[in-house]
Amino acid sequence: MTVCQTPLRSRLRRDLAARHARLDACFSRFDLTTRPGLSGFLAAHRTAFAAIRPAPGGLTGALLLDRMIAAIDADLGVLDHAPDAGPAPLRLTRSMAQDYVLLGSRLGSQLLRRRWAAARDPVLLAAGAYLSLPPMAQDWRAFCDRAGALPDQGTEADLVVHEAGQLFDLFLAAGQAGTQSFAAPTAAQSERTV
């Protein structure tokens, strides 16, 4: 495989660094050792995953999305949390964009899994189907090899970066909605504390 002087993978990291940082900060606010935190985290992911179906294929096509959504639905069932209605579908056409974001999130979920595993609530620990999915490290390496061999300039690179940015924005919006659902007390909760 030929490696480009400036590969697409470098551009993805560079151009999307600020969005990635905002997304990481948002999802770090979920306390995975509490029921509201884990429920919000899972619901946010489910919302975003559902919005990108049908998937354009690649390493993270429809089968992976279906598996992740099924795992999240099982976990939300354990937590007695109904999935939220999601945003309008985001129609992706570049599998490289989806692979970049979803494979990266699988690796990130492994770090979050450690935080979740520290929970003491047995119900929370029973809701681990999603966080226990494999990290897909081999697929991530395959993606990195492919993105490392593609140029960072041109129409195709522009489209991949654009769609990956849309995915980051979708996940950020879902995450922000999820953090608001457990961070802001309802009127009834506020009245009880007065």
Protein backbone atom coordinates (compact mmCIF):
# COMPACT_ATOMS: atom_id res chain seq x y z
CA MET A 1 0.00 0.00 0.00
CA THR A 2 1.40 3.40 -0.99
CA VAL A 3 1.54 5.97 1.77
CA CYS A 4 0.73 9.54 0.76
CA GLN A 5 2.95 12.39 1.85
CA THR A 6 0.05 13.94 3.78
CA PRO A 7 -2.54 11.23 4.40
CA LEU A 8 -6.26 11.59 4.88
CA ARG A 9 -5.94 10.24 8.41
CA SER A 10 -3.78 13.23 9.38
CA ARG A 11 -6.32 15.64 7.94
CA LEU A 12 -9.17 13.95 9.78
CA ARG A 13 -7.32 14.31 13.08
CA ARG A 14 -6.26 17.89 12.34
CA ASP A 15 -9.50 19.25 10.92
CA LEU A 16 -11.76 17.54 13.43
CA ALA A 17 -9.64 17.97 16.57
CA ALA A 18 -11.81 20.72 18.06
CA ARG A 19 -15.03 18.80 17.41
CA HIS A 20 -13.48 15.65 18.83
CA ALA A 21 -12.41 17.51 21.97
CA ARG A 22 -15.93 18.94 22.45
CA LEU A 23 -17.42 15.49 22.00
CA ASP A 24 -15.01 13.89 24.47
CA ALA A 25 -15.74 16.63 27.02
CA CYS A 26 -19.48 16.15 26.58
CA PHE A 27 -19.43 12.39 27.02
CA SER A 28 -17.00 12.63 29.93
CA ARG A 29 -19.75 14.39 31.88
CA PHE A 30 -21.80 11.20 32.04
CA ASP A 31 -21.19 9.42 35.34
CA LEU A 32 -21.36 5.81 34.21
CA THR A 33 -21.54 4.62 37.82
CA THR A 34 -25.03 6.09 38.26
CA ARG A 35 -28.28 5.06 36.64
CA PRO A 36 -29.04 8.51 35.19
CA GLY A 37 -25.49 8.84 33.86
CA LEU A 38 -25.36 5.42 32.22
CA SER A 39 -28.90 5.77 30.88
CA GLY A 40 -28.11 9.17 29.38
CA PHE A 41 -24.86 7.92 27.85
CA LEU A 42 -26.54 4.90 26.28
CA ALA A 43 -29.59 6.84 25.10
CA ALA A 44 -27.36 9.46 23.44
CA HIS A 45 -25.44 6.78 21.57
CA ARG A 46 -28.61 5.02 20.52
CA THR A 47 -30.07 8.27 19.21
CA ALA A 48 -26.99 8.94 17.10
CA PHE A 49 -26.63 5.36 15.85
CA ALA A 50 -30.28 5.22 14.82
CA ALA A 51 -29.90 8.48 12.88
CA ILE A 52 -27.16 7.07 10.66
CA ARG A 53 -29.02 3.99 9.52
CA PRO A 54 -28.89 2.79 6.84
CA ALA A 55 -25.14 2.87 6.91
CA PRO A 56 -23.02 3.28 3.78
CA GLY A 57 -21.05 0.09 4.45
CA GLY A 58 -17.34 0.00 5.06
CA LEU A 59 -15.96 -1.61 8.19
CA THR A 60 -18.85 -0.31 10.31
CA GLY A 61 -21.89 -0.93 8.16
CA ALA A 62 -25.43 -1.89 9.04
CA LEU A 63 -24.50 -5.12 10.84
CA LEU A 64 -22.35 -3.30 13.39
CA LEU A 65 -24.92 -0.56 13.86
CA ASP A 66 -27.64 -3.17 14.38
CA ARG A 67 -25.46 -5.00 16.92
CA MET A 68 -24.67 -1.79 18.82
CA ILE A 69 -28.29 -0.64 18.85
CA ALA A 70 -29.46 -4.08 20.04
CA ALA A 71 -26.88 -4.03 22.85
CA ILE A 72 -27.93 -0.53 23.89
CA ASP A 73 -31.62 -1.48 23.78
CA ALA A 74 -30.88 -4.45 26.05
CA ASP A 75 -29.00 -2.21 28.47
CA LEU A 76 -31.72 0.45 28.46
CA GLY A 77 -34.23 -2.32 29.16
CA VAL A 78 -32.24 -3.39 32.22
CA LEU A 79 -32.19 0.24 33.33
CA ASP A 80 -35.92 0.62 32.61
CA HIS A 81 -35.20 3.55 30.29
CA ALA A 82 -37.14 3.90 27.05
CA PRO A 83 -35.13 5.00 24.00
CA ASP A 84 -35.68 8.60 23.00
CA ALA A 85 -37.03 9.65 19.64
CA GLY A 86 -34.07 10.51 17.50
CA PRO A 87 -33.25 13.31 15.11
CA ALA A 88 -33.89 13.16 11.40
CA PRO A 89 -31.74 10.59 9.62
CA LEU A 90 -28.27 11.66 8.57
CA ARG A 91 -27.66 10.18 5.14
CA LEU A 92 -24.00 9.28 4.82
CA THR A 93 -22.36 8.38 1.54
CA ARG A 94 -18.74 8.00 2.65
CA SER A 95 -18.01 4.84 4.60
CA MET A 96 -14.58 6.21 5.54
CA ALA A 97 -16.25 8.98 7.55
CA GLN A 98 -18.45 6.52 9.39
CA ASP A 99 -15.55 4.14 9.99
CA TYR A 100 -13.40 6.94 11.41
CA VAL A 101 -16.00 8.01 13.95
CA LEU A 102 -17.53 4.65 14.89
CA LEU A 103 -14.30 2.67 15.11
CA GLY A 104 -12.79 5.47 17.16
CA SER A 105 -15.81 5.39 19.44
CA ARG A 106 -15.43 1.64 19.93
CA LEU A 107 -11.89 2.22 21.19
CA GLY A 108 -13.08 5.08 23.39
CA SER A 109 -15.83 2.91 24.81
CA GLN A 110 -13.19 0.56 26.15
CA LEU A 111 -11.83 3.37 28.31
CA LEU A 112 -15.32 4.25 29.48
CA ARG A 113 -15.96 0.59 30.23
CA ARG A 114 -13.42 0.79 33.04
CA ARG A 115 -15.35 3.65 34.65
CA TRP A 116 -18.64 1.76 34.30
CA ALA A 117 -17.09 -1.38 35.81
CA ALA A 118 -16.38 0.59 39.01
CA ALA A 119 -20.13 0.87 39.67
CA ARG A 120 -21.41 -0.82 42.81
CA ASP A 121 -25.05 -1.03 41.71
CA PRO A 122 -25.73 -4.57 40.41
CA VAL A 123 -28.39 -3.22 38.03
CA LEU A 124 -25.79 -0.98 36.41
CA LEU A 125 -23.36 -3.86 36.10
CA ALA A 126 -26.07 -5.94 34.44
CA ALA A 127 -26.44 -3.21 31.81
CA GLY A 128 -23.10 -3.78 30.13
CA ALA A 129 -23.93 -5.27 26.75
CA TYR A 130 -22.90 -2.16 24.81
CA LEU A 131 -19.77 -1.36 26.78
CA SER A 132 -18.73 -5.02 26.57
CA LEU A 133 -18.81 -5.17 22.78
CA PRO A 134 -15.38 -5.85 21.27
CA PRO A 135 -13.16 -2.80 20.67
CA MET A 136 -12.61 -3.68 17.00
CA ALA A 137 -8.92 -2.78 17.24
CA GLN A 138 -8.06 -4.81 14.14
CA ASP A 139 -10.68 -2.93 12.12
CA TRP A 140 -9.32 0.37 13.48
CA ARG A 141 -5.83 -0.60 12.29
CA ALA A 142 -7.22 -1.51 8.87
CA PHE A 143 -8.96 1.86 8.70
CA CYS A 144 -5.75 3.66 9.71
CA ASP A 145 -3.80 1.81 7.02
CA ARG A 146 -6.36 2.72 4.39
CA ALA A 147 -6.71 6.36 5.50
CA GLY A 148 -2.93 6.58 5.69
CA ALA A 149 -2.69 5.63 2.03
CA LEU A 150 -5.23 8.14 0.75
CA PRO A 151 -4.47 11.78 -0.03
CA ASP A 152 -5.76 14.49 2.27
CA GLN A 153 -6.76 16.75 -0.62
CA GLY A 154 -9.38 16.48 -3.32
CA THR A 155 -13.13 16.05 -3.55
CA GLU A 156 -13.21 12.62 -1.90
CA ALA A 157 -11.10 13.75 1.06
CA ASP A 158 -13.26 16.86 1.45
CA LEU A 159 -16.42 14.74 1.51
CA VAL A 160 -15.00 12.28 4.05
CA VAL A 161 -13.92 15.10 6.38
CA HIS A 162 -17.27 16.86 5.95
CA GLU A 163 -19.31 13.74 6.76
CA ALA A 164 -17.08 12.83 9.70
CA GLY A 165 -17.67 16.35 11.00
CA GLN A 166 -21.42 15.86 10.61
CA LEU A 167 -21.14 12.66 12.65
CA PHE A 168 -19.24 14.42 15.43
CA ASP A 169 -21.92 17.12 15.46
CA LEU A 170 -24.69 14.50 15.57
CA PHE A 171 -23.10 12.69 18.51
CA LEU A 172 -22.45 16.00 20.29
CA ALA A 173 -26.09 17.07 19.93
CA ALA A 174 -27.26 13.67 21.20
CA GLY A 175 -24.79 13.82 24.09
CA GLN A 176 -25.82 17.33 25.06
CA ALA A 177 -29.48 16.31 25.04
CA GLY A 178 -28.58 13.30 27.18
CA THR A 179 -26.68 15.33 29.76
CA GLN A 180 -29.53 17.83 29.99
CA SER A 181 -32.02 15.05 30.65
CA PHE A 182 -30.33 14.08 33.91
CA ALA A 183 -28.53 17.31 34.82
CA ALA A 184 -31.54 19.61 34.87
CA PRO A 185 -34.03 18.80 37.63
CA THR A 186 -37.66 18.65 36.67
CA ALA A 187 -40.12 21.10 38.20
CA ALA A 188 -41.40 18.36 40.51
CA GLN A 189 -37.86 17.57 41.68
CA SER A 190 -37.16 21.25 42.27
CA GLU A 191 -40.33 21.62 44.34
CA ARG A 192 -39.29 18.68 46.54
CA THR A 193 -35.99 20.35 47.39
CA VAL A 194 -37.53 23.70 48.33
